[in-house]
Amino acid sequence: MMEYSYYIIDPTGNITAIVETPTKRSEQSRVAAFIMGLDTRIEQVGFLEQPQSGAAVRLQMMGGEFCGNASICTAALTAQRSGIDDGCIMLEVSGAENPLCIRVQKLAGCLYRGTVSMPLPVGMETVKLGKNELPAVHFSGISHLILNGDISTDEAEKNIRSWCKALNADALGLMFLSGETLKPYVYVHSTDTAVWESSCASGTTAVAAYLAAKAGKSVSVTLGNPGGALSVKAEYSGDALSSLLLTGSAEIKGKHLICT
């Protein structure tokens, strides 16, 4: 039996567990599923690892995907441990080729604001899934389909696993976009978990990237996710995206111990 220590952190309602106990990659899916089973509020789990670069720490998500919300959580936790109220935290994150600089500012108590330069998409296209033709934004480790009311929630829940397989993705987000509101549904293949998330940073970023590419110019968007608003500034230079800056918040709720 092994004891695991983890923090529960709330980034715009997307409740995240960050495990600080060193955990073998082969065990991470099992431990993540156990933690999520204990507390159904938890929507995702990340694991802290030793970095290979000069970063402060590495964040390895439960399915090897990239997660902006969990990145902000980890930066906030690192800032709190280091006594940093305002500064840049360098992180390695699964699904990101290079270390990321996350600017964190302490707002009050255990509440932090974070701004992260998100990885750029590795591709954008229109995909045909059954009778549906949908915009797809692909990041390393996760793909997002942007839905504008063409698909019901029942159809989404029925098909998300087969669509993830068809796209050969490690994780798939279905982003239900309606005006300035976003309802995210995310499936992670390695843990076989599908969650209606309270907020999705990479999904919000995918929408901003799609809108910028469609307009052929820079855009700034603030999308109301179920748990609160996330903002993304998508910079467009020439005929391509040049940067994606996401801003959100994270509140450290407390530390927990489990045995499994």
Protein backbone atom coordinates (compact mmCIF):
# COMPACT_ATOMS: atom_id res chain seq x y z
CA MET A 1 0.00 0.00 0.00
CA MET A 2 1.30 3.46 -0.97
CA GLU A 3 0.50 6.85 0.55
CA TYR A 4 -0.11 9.75 -1.83
CA SER A 5 -0.19 13.45 -1.00
CA TYR A 6 -2.12 15.82 -3.25
CA TYR A 7 -3.56 19.32 -3.35
CA ILE A 8 -7.06 20.26 -4.45
CA ILE A 9 -7.03 23.49 -6.46
CA ASP A 10 -9.94 25.35 -8.05
CA PRO A 11 -9.14 27.01 -11.40
CA THR A 12 -12.41 28.63 -12.51
CA GLY A 13 -14.43 25.70 -11.19
CA ASN A 14 -12.38 23.03 -13.03
CA ILE A 15 -11.46 21.28 -9.77
CA THR A 16 -7.99 19.78 -10.13
CA ALA A 17 -5.93 17.44 -7.97
CA ILE A 18 -2.16 17.92 -8.12
CA VAL A 19 -0.28 14.91 -6.74
CA GLU A 20 3.07 15.80 -5.17
CA THR A 21 4.12 12.24 -4.26
CA PRO A 22 6.47 10.84 -6.95
CA THR A 23 4.36 8.43 -9.03
CA LYS A 24 5.51 6.14 -11.82
CA ARG A 25 3.91 6.94 -15.18
CA SER A 26 2.58 3.39 -15.31
CA GLU A 27 0.66 4.04 -12.07
CA GLN A 28 -0.68 7.51 -12.81
CA SER A 29 -3.89 6.51 -14.57
CA ARG A 30 -4.82 4.16 -11.72
CA VAL A 31 -4.05 6.72 -9.01
CA ALA A 32 -5.94 9.43 -10.92
CA ALA A 33 -9.01 7.23 -11.27
CA PHE A 34 -8.86 6.39 -7.54
CA ILE A 35 -8.68 10.07 -6.53
CA MET A 36 -11.52 11.04 -8.88
CA GLY A 37 -13.59 8.17 -7.51
CA LEU A 38 -13.09 9.40 -3.95
CA ASP A 39 -14.18 12.96 -4.73
CA THR A 40 -16.55 13.44 -7.66
CA ARG A 41 -15.89 17.20 -7.68
CA ILE A 42 -12.41 16.51 -9.09
CA GLU A 43 -12.44 16.76 -12.88
CA GLN A 44 -8.75 16.02 -13.61
CA VAL A 45 -5.51 14.95 -11.96
CA GLY A 46 -1.92 16.02 -12.59
CA PHE A 47 1.36 14.70 -11.17
CA LEU A 48 4.45 16.67 -10.18
CA GLU A 49 7.71 15.28 -11.56
CA GLN A 50 11.35 16.29 -11.70
CA PRO A 51 11.97 18.56 -14.71
CA GLN A 52 14.55 17.76 -17.36
CA SER A 53 15.28 21.44 -18.07
CA GLY A 54 15.78 24.45 -15.83
CA ALA A 55 12.07 24.64 -15.05
CA ALA A 56 10.82 24.71 -11.47
CA VAL A 57 8.86 21.46 -11.84
CA ARG A 58 7.20 19.23 -14.43
CA LEU A 59 3.44 18.71 -14.57
CA GLN A 60 2.39 15.38 -16.08
CA MET A 61 -1.33 15.13 -16.68
CA MET A 62 -3.19 11.87 -16.05
CA GLY A 63 -3.56 11.16 -19.78
CA GLY A 64 -0.38 12.85 -20.98
CA GLU A 65 -2.46 15.73 -22.35
CA PHE A 66 -1.77 19.45 -22.05
CA CYS A 67 -3.95 21.40 -19.62
CA GLY A 68 -3.84 25.17 -19.20
CA ASN A 69 -5.94 25.19 -16.02
CA ALA A 70 -3.72 22.59 -14.35
CA SER A 71 -0.65 24.56 -15.47
CA ILE A 72 -1.98 27.68 -13.72
CA CYS A 73 -2.75 25.52 -10.66
CA THR A 74 0.81 24.20 -10.57
CA ALA A 75 2.28 27.68 -11.02
CA ALA A 76 0.12 28.99 -8.16
CA LEU A 77 1.18 26.10 -5.91
CA THR A 78 4.85 26.65 -6.77
CA ALA A 79 4.51 30.38 -6.10
CA GLN A 80 2.90 29.73 -2.73
CA ARG A 81 5.61 27.27 -1.71
CA SER A 82 8.33 29.71 -2.82
CA GLY A 83 6.75 32.79 -1.28
CA ILE A 84 6.34 34.49 -4.68
CA ASP A 85 3.52 37.05 -4.84
CA ASP A 86 4.20 38.25 -8.39
CA GLY A 87 6.54 36.65 -10.89
CA CYS A 88 7.18 34.12 -13.64
CA ILE A 89 7.12 30.39 -12.89
CA MET A 90 8.78 28.14 -15.47
CA LEU A 91 7.10 24.77 -15.90
CA GLU A 92 7.50 21.70 -18.06
CA VAL A 93 4.03 20.42 -18.96
CA SER A 94 2.93 17.26 -20.74
CA GLY A 95 1.78 18.03 -24.26
CA ALA A 96 4.02 21.12 -24.53
CA GLU A 97 7.32 20.79 -26.39
CA ASN A 98 9.07 23.61 -24.50
CA PRO A 99 8.95 24.91 -20.91
CA LEU A 100 6.24 27.50 -20.31
CA CYS A 101 6.50 30.80 -18.45
CA ILE A 102 3.41 31.36 -16.34
CA ARG A 103 3.02 34.81 -14.82
CA VAL A 104 1.34 34.52 -11.42
CA GLN A 105 0.01 37.24 -9.15
CA LYS A 106 -1.28 36.63 -5.65
CA LEU A 107 -4.69 38.25 -5.32
CA ALA A 108 -5.66 37.33 -1.76
CA GLY A 109 -5.04 34.43 0.61
CA CYS A 110 -4.65 31.33 -1.55
CA LEU A 111 -6.12 32.90 -4.70
CA TYR A 112 -3.83 33.59 -7.66
CA ARG A 113 -4.21 34.94 -11.18
CA GLY A 114 -2.18 33.23 -13.88
CA THR A 115 -1.33 34.10 -17.47
CA VAL A 116 0.21 31.39 -19.60
CA SER A 117 1.53 31.36 -23.15
CA MET A 118 -0.33 28.34 -24.48
CA PRO A 119 1.18 25.96 -27.05
CA LEU A 120 0.11 26.72 -30.60
CA PRO A 121 -2.10 24.21 -32.41
CA VAL A 122 -0.30 21.55 -34.41
CA GLY A 123 -3.14 21.69 -36.91
CA MET A 124 -6.63 23.00 -37.69
CA GLU A 125 -9.06 21.40 -40.12
CA THR A 126 -12.66 20.49 -40.81
CA VAL A 127 -13.35 16.83 -40.06
CA LYS A 128 -16.25 14.63 -41.11
CA LEU A 129 -17.65 12.42 -38.36
CA GLY A 130 -20.74 10.55 -39.47
CA LYS A 131 -23.05 13.15 -40.98
CA ASN A 132 -21.28 16.00 -39.18
CA GLU A 133 -18.59 18.29 -40.56
CA LEU A 134 -16.90 20.00 -37.61
CA PRO A 135 -14.01 22.42 -37.04
CA ALA A 136 -11.16 20.63 -35.25
CA VAL A 137 -8.23 22.24 -33.47
CA HIS A 138 -5.40 19.84 -32.65
CA PHE A 139 -2.86 20.35 -29.88
CA SER A 140 -0.19 17.87 -28.85
CA GLY A 141 -2.04 15.43 -26.58
CA ILE A 142 -5.58 16.78 -27.06
CA SER A 143 -7.90 17.74 -29.90
CA HIS A 144 -11.01 19.90 -29.69
CA LEU A 145 -14.12 19.94 -31.84
CA ILE A 146 -16.03 23.22 -31.89
CA LEU A 147 -19.79 22.74 -31.89
CA ASN A 148 -22.24 25.53 -32.69
CA GLY A 149 -25.52 23.85 -31.83
CA ASP A 150 -25.43 21.20 -34.54
CA ILE A 151 -25.04 18.34 -32.07
CA SER A 152 -27.08 17.50 -28.99
CA THR A 153 -25.53 16.67 -25.63
CA ASP A 154 -26.94 13.14 -25.92
CA GLU A 155 -25.18 12.67 -29.27
CA ALA A 156 -21.96 14.04 -27.77
CA GLU A 157 -22.05 11.63 -24.83
CA LYS A 158 -22.81 8.72 -27.16
CA ASN A 159 -20.02 9.44 -29.65
CA ILE A 160 -17.12 11.12 -27.85
CA ARG A 161 -15.16 7.86 -27.38
CA SER A 162 -15.53 6.74 -31.00
CA TRP A 163 -14.71 10.26 -32.25
CA CYS A 164 -11.57 10.33 -30.11
CA LYS A 165 -10.52 7.02 -31.65
CA ALA A 166 -11.34 8.22 -35.17
CA LEU A 167 -9.13 11.28 -34.65
CA ASN A 168 -6.36 9.14 -33.10
CA ALA A 169 -6.26 11.60 -30.17
CA ASP A 170 -5.06 10.98 -26.61
CA ALA A 171 -7.90 13.19 -25.38
CA LEU A 172 -10.85 14.91 -27.03
CA GLY A 173 -12.82 17.99 -26.04
CA LEU A 174 -16.24 18.86 -27.42
CA MET A 175 -16.65 22.62 -27.09
CA PHE A 176 -20.30 23.70 -27.21
CA LEU A 177 -20.01 27.34 -28.24
CA SER A 178 -23.00 29.68 -28.00
CA GLY A 179 -22.20 33.36 -28.38
CA GLU A 180 -19.79 34.18 -25.56
CA THR A 181 -20.48 31.07 -23.51
CA LEU A 182 -18.75 27.69 -23.68
CA LYS A 183 -19.83 24.31 -22.33
CA PRO A 184 -16.92 21.81 -22.40
CA TYR A 185 -17.15 18.02 -22.48
CA VAL A 186 -13.76 16.27 -22.29
CA TYR A 187 -12.75 12.63 -22.72
CA VAL A 188 -9.32 11.25 -21.72
CA HIS A 189 -8.56 7.92 -23.38
CA SER A 190 -6.00 6.53 -20.90
CA THR A 191 -8.36 6.85 -17.92
CA ASP A 192 -11.55 6.33 -19.96
CA THR A 193 -13.12 9.34 -18.23
CA ALA A 194 -15.60 11.72 -19.86
CA VAL A 195 -16.47 14.86 -17.85
CA TRP A 196 -18.70 17.89 -18.36
CA GLU A 197 -16.04 20.29 -17.12
CA SER A 198 -16.66 23.50 -15.22
CA SER A 199 -14.04 25.18 -17.39
CA CYS A 200 -11.55 24.10 -20.04
CA ALA A 201 -8.50 26.26 -20.69
CA SER A 202 -7.23 24.41 -23.76
CA GLY A 203 -10.76 24.29 -25.18
CA THR A 204 -11.23 28.03 -24.66
CA THR A 205 -7.85 28.55 -26.33
CA ALA A 206 -8.89 26.29 -29.22
CA VAL A 207 -11.96 28.45 -29.81
CA ALA A 208 -9.85 31.63 -29.80
CA ALA A 209 -7.37 30.06 -32.23
CA TYR A 210 -10.21 28.97 -34.52
CA LEU A 211 -11.85 32.43 -34.47
CA ALA A 212 -8.52 34.16 -35.20
CA ALA A 213 -7.77 31.82 -38.10
CA LYS A 214 -11.29 32.23 -39.47
CA ALA A 215 -11.03 36.04 -39.28
CA GLY A 216 -7.41 36.12 -40.45
CA LYS A 217 -6.49 38.57 -37.70
CA SER A 218 -5.75 38.83 -33.98
CA VAL A 219 -8.70 38.44 -31.60
CA SER A 220 -9.28 38.70 -27.87
CA VAL A 221 -12.09 36.63 -26.40
CA THR A 222 -13.57 36.12 -22.97
CA LEU A 223 -15.76 33.04 -22.77
CA GLY A 224 -18.06 32.27 -19.89
CA ASN A 225 -17.44 28.65 -18.93
CA PRO A 226 -19.86 27.07 -16.42
CA GLY A 227 -17.41 27.79 -13.57
CA GLY A 228 -16.46 31.32 -14.65
CA ALA A 229 -14.77 33.31 -17.37
CA LEU A 230 -11.47 32.60 -19.14
CA SER A 231 -9.77 35.11 -21.43
CA VAL A 232 -7.51 34.41 -24.42
CA LYS A 233 -5.60 36.81 -26.63
CA ALA A 234 -4.85 35.16 -29.98
CA GLU A 235 -2.15 37.00 -31.93
CA TYR A 236 -2.21 36.60 -35.71
CA SER A 237 0.87 37.58 -37.69
CA GLY A 238 1.03 37.36 -41.47
CA ASP A 239 -1.11 34.36 -42.27
CA ALA A 240 -0.56 32.34 -39.09
CA LEU A 241 -1.13 32.32 -35.35
CA SER A 242 1.93 33.60 -33.48
CA SER A 243 0.85 33.40 -29.82
CA LEU A 244 -2.01 32.43 -27.53
CA LEU A 245 -2.14 34.04 -24.08
CA LEU A 246 -4.63 32.59 -21.59
CA THR A 247 -5.56 34.31 -18.32
CA GLY A 248 -7.42 32.58 -15.50
CA SER A 249 -7.41 32.15 -11.74
CA ALA A 250 -6.66 29.35 -9.30
CA GLU A 251 -7.46 28.98 -5.60
CA ILE A 252 -5.54 26.44 -3.51
CA LYS A 253 -8.12 24.67 -1.36
CA GLY A 254 -6.03 22.30 0.74
CA LYS A 255 -3.78 19.26 1.03
CA HIS A 256 -4.99 15.65 1.33
CA LEU A 257 -3.53 12.18 1.93
CA ILE A 258 -4.78 8.83 0.60
CA CYS A 259 -3.53 5.26 0.74
CA THR A 260 -3.92 2.96 -2.24
